[in-house]
């Protein structure tokens, strides 16, 4: 029962904080980010946590671990996401792509030694990256507000709702929930953060890092939802406002 209550309590806490955020600011993107005052506070909290803990650990990992083993570890964790990707490909009606992904998983798990070597890409098998947020978008939830979550970082409301299904299919979440095996979670997090270290300079140089992170995230989500071919802006509709 407690496990079921935790996600609900987290959502309630999130919206309580949003309602109580007293700082009045002029939203920089009122359509996509109407909760900007709240989001900026949580963004600042997450960045402080990153500077204090996650980034130093990731830099230490990057320093002692050669590039090739780092790629192997990331390949291993990507390979584990197969059940999530496969299910969402089926849910979106992408049956041919789901077979491609199955072929990738079988090849990388066997020949690629549990996924440490991405032999499927070298063999020409295309890679897909689908999640429950993208599936909800395909089903009709196209537009969704930007939301920054404590510890978890940027989402949209749609993607955060879709995240609730993630733990039922991903092996790492399953092992943590059913067997109390938690160590893969921080390992996955540290290796992912190490992969993002080259972007730190760009983030620090930005005049407003919050806006940079938000806009890159939203553009990336749109790119993925439309499989790399997002619709062009409706310039005629924009001109009607002038």
Foldseek 3Di string as FASTA:
>chain_A
DVVVCVVVVQVVVQVVLLVPQPDDDDDPDCQAAVSVSSQVVLVVVLVVVCVVPQVVLLVVCPVVDDPLQLLLVLQLLVLLCLQFQLVLCVLLVNVVLSVLSVVQSVCCVPVVVNRSDRVSVVVPRDDADDHQLLSVCSVPPVGFHWHQGHPPGIDTPSRVVRVVCSLVGRPQSVCCVPPVDNVVPVVNSSSVVNVCVVCVVVLVPDPDSVVVVVVVVVVVSQCNSVVNDHDDDPVVVVVVVD
